[in-house]
Amino acid sequence: MEKIKLYFQESAFGVCSKLGEKLNFPIDSIRLFFIYASFITLGSPIILYVSLAMMMKLKKYFRRMANPALFD
């Protein structure tokens, strides 16, 4: 069970983890919020999740472009 949980945590975009770190809130609670809100609102939080993931990837990309020596 722990291997499955670790796989999904690493293969996901890390949005819930990043929000949990920033807000000092349990990551599992944030994940449950996204899951329940997706069921209740027929998937609209998925749009928010994907847009946050894209913003995180773009931020990481621009940091890498600004200083490529740090990421080699």
PDB file of N, CA and C in Angstrom:
ATOM      1  N   MET A   1       0.817  -1.191   0.000  1.00  0.00           N
ATOM      2  CA  MET A   1       0.000   0.000   0.000  1.00  0.00           C
ATOM      3  C   MET A   1       0.864   1.259   0.000  1.00  0.00           C
ATOM      4  N   GLU A   2       1.959   1.215   0.735  1.00  0.00           N
ATOM      5  CA  GLU A   2       2.839   2.373   0.825  1.00  0.00           C
ATOM      6  C   GLU A   2       3.530   2.654  -0.508  1.00  0.00           C
ATOM      7  N   LYS A   3       3.853   1.606  -1.264  1.00  0.00           N
ATOM      8  CA  LYS A   3       4.476   1.793  -2.575  1.00  0.00           C
ATOM      9  C   LYS A   3       3.521   2.476  -3.541  1.00  0.00           C
ATOM     10  N   ILE A   4       2.254   2.114  -3.472  1.00  0.00           N
ATOM     11  CA  ILE A   4       1.252   2.729  -4.346  1.00  0.00           C
ATOM     12  C   ILE A   4       1.094   4.208  -4.008  1.00  0.00           C
ATOM     13  N   LYS A   5       1.033   4.512  -2.729  1.00  0.00           N
ATOM     14  CA  LYS A   5       0.899   5.904  -2.297  1.00  0.00           C
ATOM     15  C   LYS A   5       2.110   6.719  -2.731  1.00  0.00           C
ATOM     16  N   LEU A   6       3.296   6.179  -2.576  1.00  0.00           N
ATOM     17  CA  LEU A   6       4.517   6.868  -2.979  1.00  0.00           C
ATOM     18  C   LEU A   6       4.555   7.085  -4.486  1.00  0.00           C
ATOM     19  N   TYR A   7       4.113   6.091  -5.253  1.00  0.00           N
ATOM     20  CA  TYR A   7       4.077   6.223  -6.708  1.00  0.00           C
ATOM     21  C   TYR A   7       3.190   7.385  -7.136  1.00  0.00           C
ATOM     22  N   PHE A   8       1.990   7.470  -6.569  1.00  0.00           N
ATOM     23  CA  PHE A   8       1.078   8.541  -6.952  1.00  0.00           C
ATOM     24  C   PHE A   8       1.566   9.903  -6.482  1.00  0.00           C
ATOM     25  N   GLN A   9       2.236   9.956  -5.354  1.00  0.00           N
ATOM     26  CA  GLN A   9       2.774  11.222  -4.878  1.00  0.00           C
ATOM     27  C   GLN A   9       3.892  11.711  -5.786  1.00  0.00           C
ATOM     28  N   GLU A  10       4.722  10.805  -6.280  1.00  0.00           N
ATOM     29  CA  GLU A  10       5.828  11.202  -7.135  1.00  0.00           C
ATOM     30  C   GLU A  10       5.398  11.463  -8.570  1.00  0.00           C
ATOM     31  N   SER A  11       4.392  10.728  -9.045  1.00  0.00           N
ATOM     32  CA  SER A  11       3.994  10.888 -10.444  1.00  0.00           C
ATOM     33  C   SER A  11       3.005  12.023 -10.644  1.00  0.00           C
ATOM     34  N   ALA A  12       2.367  12.486  -9.575  1.00  0.00           N
ATOM     35  CA  ALA A  12       1.462  13.628  -9.689  1.00  0.00           C
ATOM     36  C   ALA A  12       2.299  14.897  -9.836  1.00  0.00           C
ATOM     37  N   PHE A  13       1.631  15.971 -10.104  1.00  0.00           N
ATOM     38  CA  PHE A  13       2.328  17.233 -10.337  1.00  0.00           C
ATOM     39  C   PHE A  13       2.887  17.856  -9.070  1.00  0.00           C
ATOM     40  N   GLY A  14       2.418  17.454  -7.923  1.00  0.00           N
ATOM     41  CA  GLY A  14       2.901  18.017  -6.671  1.00  0.00           C
ATOM     42  C   GLY A  14       2.153  19.259  -6.229  1.00  0.00           C
ATOM     43  N   VAL A  15       0.999  19.496  -6.806  1.00  0.00           N
ATOM     44  CA  VAL A  15       0.225  20.691  -6.472  1.00  0.00           C
ATOM     45  C   VAL A  15      -0.228  20.637  -5.019  1.00  0.00           C
ATOM     46  N   CYS A  16      -0.774  19.526  -4.593  1.00  0.00           N
ATOM     47  CA  CYS A  16      -1.258  19.409  -3.212  1.00  0.00           C
ATOM     48  C   CYS A  16      -0.106  19.521  -2.220  1.00  0.00           C
ATOM     49  N   SER A  17       1.025  18.947  -2.548  1.00  0.00           N
ATOM     50  CA  SER A  17       2.186  19.035  -1.664  1.00  0.00           C
ATOM     51  C   SER A  17       2.665  20.471  -1.532  1.00  0.00           C
ATOM     52  N   LYS A  18       2.733  21.168  -2.645  1.00  0.00           N
ATOM     53  CA  LYS A  18       3.186  22.558  -2.636  1.00  0.00           C
ATOM     54  C   LYS A  18       2.205  23.440  -1.869  1.00  0.00           C
ATOM     55  N   LEU A  19       0.897  23.239  -2.086  1.00  0.00           N
ATOM     56  CA  LEU A  19      -0.102  24.003  -1.342  1.00  0.00           C
ATOM     57  C   LEU A  19      -0.023  23.711   0.151  1.00  0.00           C
ATOM     58  N   GLY A  20       0.187  22.447   0.502  1.00  0.00           N
ATOM     59  CA  GLY A  20       0.316  22.078   1.911  1.00  0.00           C
ATOM     60  C   GLY A  20       1.517  22.731   2.571  1.00  0.00           C
ATOM     61  N   GLU A  21       2.629  22.804   1.852  1.00  0.00           N
ATOM     62  CA  GLU A  21       3.824  23.452   2.391  1.00  0.00           C
ATOM     63  C   GLU A  21       3.606  24.952   2.562  1.00  0.00           C
ATOM     64  N   LYS A  22       3.009  25.578   1.554  1.00  0.00           N
ATOM     65  CA  LYS A  22       2.796  27.028   1.593  1.00  0.00           C
ATOM     66  C   LYS A  22       1.794  27.424   2.669  1.00  0.00           C
ATOM     67  N   LEU A  23       0.710  26.659   2.801  1.00  0.00           N
ATOM     68  CA  LEU A  23      -0.357  27.001   3.733  1.00  0.00           C
ATOM     69  C   LEU A  23      -0.191  26.366   5.104  1.00  0.00           C
ATOM     70  N   ASN A  24       0.840  25.527   5.252  1.00  0.00           N
ATOM     71  CA  ASN A  24       1.074  24.789   6.493  1.00  0.00           C
ATOM     72  C   ASN A  24      -0.184  24.005   6.879  1.00  0.00           C
ATOM     73  N   PHE A  25      -0.662  23.210   5.926  1.00  0.00           N
ATOM     74  CA  PHE A  25      -1.897  22.453   6.060  1.00  0.00           C
ATOM     75  C   PHE A  25      -1.609  21.011   5.658  1.00  0.00           C
ATOM     76  N   PRO A  26      -2.245  20.026   6.264  1.00  0.00           N
ATOM     77  CA  PRO A  26      -1.976  18.622   5.912  1.00  0.00           C
ATOM     78  C   PRO A  26      -2.266  18.335   4.433  1.00  0.00           C
ATOM     79  N   ILE A  27      -1.343  17.679   3.782  1.00  0.00           N
ATOM     80  CA  ILE A  27      -1.447  17.393   2.355  1.00  0.00           C
ATOM     81  C   ILE A  27      -2.623  16.468   2.067  1.00  0.00           C
ATOM     82  N   ASP A  28      -2.836  15.495   2.940  1.00  0.00           N
ATOM     83  CA  ASP A  28      -3.952  14.565   2.728  1.00  0.00           C
ATOM     84  C   ASP A  28      -5.298  15.287   2.735  1.00  0.00           C
ATOM     85  N   SER A  29      -5.432  16.300   3.575  1.00  0.00           N
ATOM     86  CA  SER A  29      -6.680  17.070   3.613  1.00  0.00           C
ATOM     87  C   SER A  29      -6.903  17.833   2.314  1.00  0.00           C
ATOM     88  N   ILE A  30      -5.838  18.363   1.765  1.00  0.00           N
ATOM     89  CA  ILE A  30      -5.949  19.093   0.494  1.00  0.00           C
ATOM     90  C   ILE A  30      -6.326  18.132  -0.627  1.00  0.00           C
ATOM     91  N   ARG A  31      -5.719  16.966  -0.648  1.00  0.00           N
ATOM     92  CA  ARG A  31      -6.063  15.970  -1.667  1.00  0.00           C
ATOM     93  C   ARG A  31      -7.531  15.555  -1.553  1.00  0.00           C
ATOM     94  N   LEU A  32      -7.971  15.312  -0.333  1.00  0.00           N
ATOM     95  CA  LEU A  32      -9.374  14.942  -0.130  1.00  0.00           C
ATOM     96  C   LEU A  32     -10.311  16.064  -0.568  1.00  0.00           C
ATOM     97  N   PHE A  33      -9.923  17.313  -0.312  1.00  0.00           N
ATOM     98  CA  PHE A  33     -10.741  18.437  -0.765  1.00  0.00           C
ATOM     99  C   PHE A  33     -10.895  18.419  -2.279  1.00  0.00           C
ATOM    100  N   PHE A  34      -9.791  18.230  -2.999  1.00  0.00           N
ATOM    101  CA  PHE A  34      -9.865  18.184  -4.460  1.00  0.00           C
ATOM    102  C   PHE A  34     -10.731  17.019  -4.938  1.00  0.00           C
ATOM    103  N   ILE A  35     -10.611  15.886  -4.296  1.00  0.00           N
ATOM    104  CA  ILE A  35     -11.405  14.719  -4.698  1.00  0.00           C
ATOM    105  C   ILE A  35     -12.885  14.956  -4.458  1.00  0.00           C
ATOM    106  N   TYR A  36     -13.236  15.387  -3.243  1.00  0.00           N
ATOM    107  CA  TYR A  36     -14.649  15.608  -2.923  1.00  0.00           C
ATOM    108  C   TYR A  36     -15.234  16.750  -3.743  1.00  0.00           C
ATOM    109  N   ALA A  37     -14.480  17.819  -3.897  1.00  0.00           N
ATOM    110  CA  ALA A  37     -14.979  18.951  -4.682  1.00  0.00           C
ATOM    111  C   ALA A  37     -15.171  18.560  -6.141  1.00  0.00           C
ATOM    112  N   SER A  38     -14.329  17.678  -6.646  1.00  0.00           N
ATOM    113  CA  SER A  38     -14.484  17.223  -8.029  1.00  0.00           C
ATOM    114  C   SER A  38     -15.761  16.421  -8.213  1.00  0.00           C
ATOM    115  N   PHE A  39     -16.096  15.598  -7.233  1.00  0.00           N
ATOM    116  CA  PHE A  39     -17.342  14.837  -7.319  1.00  0.00           C
ATOM    117  C   PHE A  39     -18.567  15.737  -7.194  1.00  0.00           C
ATOM    118  N   ILE A  40     -18.500  16.681  -6.268  1.00  0.00           N
ATOM    119  CA  ILE A  40     -19.654  17.551  -6.024  1.00  0.00           C
ATOM    120  C   ILE A  40     -19.899  18.497  -7.185  1.00  0.00           C
ATOM    121  N   THR A  41     -18.843  19.059  -7.744  1.00  0.00           N
ATOM    122  CA  THR A  41     -18.996  20.071  -8.794  1.00  0.00           C
ATOM    123  C   THR A  41     -18.754  19.511 -10.193  1.00  0.00           C
ATOM    124  N   LEU A  42     -18.768  18.207 -10.317  1.00  0.00           N
ATOM    125  CA  LEU A  42     -18.611  17.525 -11.609  1.00  0.00           C
ATOM    126  C   LEU A  42     -17.290  17.851 -12.310  1.00  0.00           C
ATOM    127  N   GLY A  43     -16.210  17.953 -11.532  1.00  0.00           N
ATOM    128  CA  GLY A  43     -14.885  18.028 -12.118  1.00  0.00           C
ATOM    129  C   GLY A  43     -14.286  19.400 -12.291  1.00  0.00           C
ATOM    130  N   SER A  44     -14.943  20.465 -11.883  1.00  0.00           N
ATOM    131  CA  SER A  44     -14.372  21.789 -12.098  1.00  0.00           C
ATOM    132  C   SER A  44     -13.075  22.044 -11.323  1.00  0.00           C
ATOM    133  N   PRO A  45     -12.840  21.480 -10.130  1.00  0.00           N
ATOM    134  CA  PRO A  45     -11.542  21.679  -9.468  1.00  0.00           C
ATOM    135  C   PRO A  45     -10.378  21.051 -10.242  1.00  0.00           C
ATOM    136  N   ILE A  46     -10.669  20.135 -11.120  1.00  0.00           N
ATOM    137  CA  ILE A  46      -9.600  19.545 -11.933  1.00  0.00           C
ATOM    138  C   ILE A  46      -8.969  20.614 -12.812  1.00  0.00           C
ATOM    139  N   ILE A  47      -9.788  21.536 -13.299  1.00  0.00           N
ATOM    140  CA  ILE A  47      -9.269  22.650 -14.105  1.00  0.00           C
ATOM    141  C   ILE A  47      -8.320  23.497 -13.261  1.00  0.00           C
ATOM    142  N   LEU A  48      -8.697  23.787 -12.034  1.00  0.00           N
ATOM    143  CA  LEU A  48      -7.837  24.535 -11.121  1.00  0.00           C
ATOM    144  C   LEU A  48      -6.547  23.773 -10.844  1.00  0.00           C
ATOM    145  N   TYR A  49      -6.654  22.474 -10.601  1.00  0.00           N
ATOM    146  CA  TYR A  49      -5.481  21.650 -10.315  1.00  0.00           C
ATOM    147  C   TYR A  49      -4.507  21.648 -11.496  1.00  0.00           C
ATOM    148  N   VAL A  50      -5.030  21.448 -12.692  1.00  0.00           N
ATOM    149  CA  VAL A  50      -4.170  21.403 -13.876  1.00  0.00           C
ATOM    150  C   VAL A  50      -3.538  22.768 -14.146  1.00  0.00           C
ATOM    151  N   SER A  51      -4.290  23.839 -13.953  1.00  0.00           N
ATOM    152  CA  SER A  51      -3.717  25.166 -14.182  1.00  0.00           C
ATOM    153  C   SER A  51      -2.624  25.471 -13.158  1.00  0.00           C
ATOM    154  N   LEU A  52      -2.816  25.079 -11.906  1.00  0.00           N
ATOM    155  CA  LEU A  52      -1.759  25.251 -10.901  1.00  0.00           C
ATOM    156  C   LEU A  52      -0.536  24.409 -11.237  1.00  0.00           C
ATOM    157  N   ALA A  53      -0.764  23.208 -11.743  1.00  0.00           N
ATOM    158  CA  ALA A  53       0.362  22.350 -12.140  1.00  0.00           C
ATOM    159  C   ALA A  53       1.136  22.977 -13.290  1.00  0.00           C
ATOM    160  N   MET A  54       0.425  23.532 -14.246  1.00  0.00           N
ATOM    161  CA  MET A  54       1.103  24.181 -15.382  1.00  0.00           C
ATOM    162  C   MET A  54       1.894  25.403 -14.921  1.00  0.00           C
ATOM    163  N   MET A  55       1.341  26.169 -13.997  1.00  0.00           N
ATOM    164  CA  MET A  55       2.057  27.338 -13.469  1.00  0.00           C
ATOM    165  C   MET A  55       3.327  26.910 -12.746  1.00  0.00           C
ATOM    166  N   MET A  56       3.256  25.812 -11.998  1.00  0.00           N
ATOM    167  CA  MET A  56       4.435  25.322 -11.300  1.00  0.00           C
ATOM    168  C   MET A  56       5.505  24.862 -12.288  1.00  0.00           C
ATOM    169  N   LYS A  57       5.082  24.180 -13.354  1.00  0.00           N
ATOM    170  CA  LYS A  57       6.041  23.715 -14.365  1.00  0.00           C
ATOM    171  C   LYS A  57       6.679  24.891 -15.091  1.00  0.00           C
ATOM    172  N   LEU A  58       5.888  25.909 -15.423  1.00  0.00           N
ATOM    173  CA  LEU A  58       6.431  27.087 -16.091  1.00  0.00           C
ATOM    174  C   LEU A  58       7.412  27.826 -15.193  1.00  0.00           C
ATOM    175  N   LYS A  59       7.080  27.942 -13.924  1.00  0.00           N
ATOM    176  CA  LYS A  59       7.970  28.607 -12.976  1.00  0.00           C
ATOM    177  C   LYS A  59       9.306  27.870 -12.894  1.00  0.00           C
ATOM    178  N   LYS A  60       9.236  26.550 -12.822  1.00  0.00           N
ATOM    179  CA  LYS A  60      10.456  25.743 -12.772  1.00  0.00           C
ATOM    180  C   LYS A  60      11.249  25.875 -14.069  1.00  0.00           C
ATOM    181  N   TYR A  61      10.562  25.912 -15.201  1.00  0.00           N
ATOM    182  CA  TYR A  61      11.222  26.063 -16.496  1.00  0.00           C
ATOM    183  C   TYR A  61      11.946  27.401 -16.589  1.00  0.00           C
ATOM    184  N   PHE A  62      11.291  28.474 -16.180  1.00  0.00           N
ATOM    185  CA  PHE A  62      11.915  29.793 -16.261  1.00  0.00           C
ATOM    186  C   PHE A  62      13.081  29.929 -15.297  1.00  0.00           C
ATOM    187  N   ARG A  63      12.981  29.297 -14.138  1.00  0.00           N
ATOM    188  CA  ARG A  63      14.127  29.299 -13.216  1.00  0.00           C
ATOM    189  C   ARG A  63      15.310  28.554 -13.832  1.00  0.00           C
ATOM    190  N   ARG A  64      15.019  27.454 -14.490  1.00  0.00           N
ATOM    191  CA  ARG A  64      16.069  26.669 -15.135  1.00  0.00           C
ATOM    192  C   ARG A  64      16.723  27.456 -16.264  1.00  0.00           C
ATOM    193  N   MET A  65      15.934  28.200 -17.016  1.00  0.00           N
ATOM    194  CA  MET A  65      16.458  28.998 -18.123  1.00  0.00           C
ATOM    195  C   MET A  65      17.302  30.164 -17.599  1.00  0.00           C
ATOM    196  N   ALA A  66      16.935  30.728 -16.448  1.00  0.00           N
ATOM    197  CA  ALA A  66      17.662  31.860 -15.881  1.00  0.00           C
ATOM    198  C   ALA A  66      19.017  31.441 -15.321  1.00  0.00           C
ATOM    199  N   ASN A  67      19.082  30.226 -14.792  1.00  0.00           N
ATOM    200  CA  ASN A  67      20.327  29.759 -14.192  1.00  0.00           C
ATOM    201  C   ASN A  67      20.506  28.268 -14.455  1.00  0.00           C
ATOM    202  N   PRO A  68      20.953  27.911 -15.635  1.00  0.00           N
ATOM    203  CA  PRO A  68      21.058  26.477 -15.986  1.00  0.00           C
ATOM    204  C   PRO A  68      22.126  25.719 -15.212  1.00  0.00           C
ATOM    205  N   ALA A  69      23.098  26.409 -14.630  1.00  0.00           N
ATOM    206  CA  ALA A  69      24.164  25.727 -13.906  1.00  0.00           C
ATOM    207  C   ALA A  69      23.650  25.031 -12.640  1.00  0.00           C
ATOM    208  N   LEU A  70      22.566  25.545 -12.053  1.00  0.00           N
ATOM    209  CA  LEU A  70      22.044  24.965 -10.820  1.00  0.00           C
ATOM    210  C   LEU A  70      21.363  23.624 -11.054  1.00  0.00           C
ATOM    211  N   PHE A  71      20.884  23.385 -12.257  1.00  0.00           N
ATOM    212  CA  PHE A  71      20.085  22.189 -12.530  1.00  0.00           C
ATOM    213  C   PHE A  71      20.838  21.115 -13.299  1.00  0.00           C
ATOM    214  N   ASP A  72      22.107  21.252 -13.493  1.00  0.00           N
ATOM    215  CA  ASP A  72      22.879  20.225 -14.209  1.00  0.00           C
ATOM    216  C   ASP A  72      23.277  19.097 -13.320  1.00  0.00           C
TER     217      ASP A  72
END
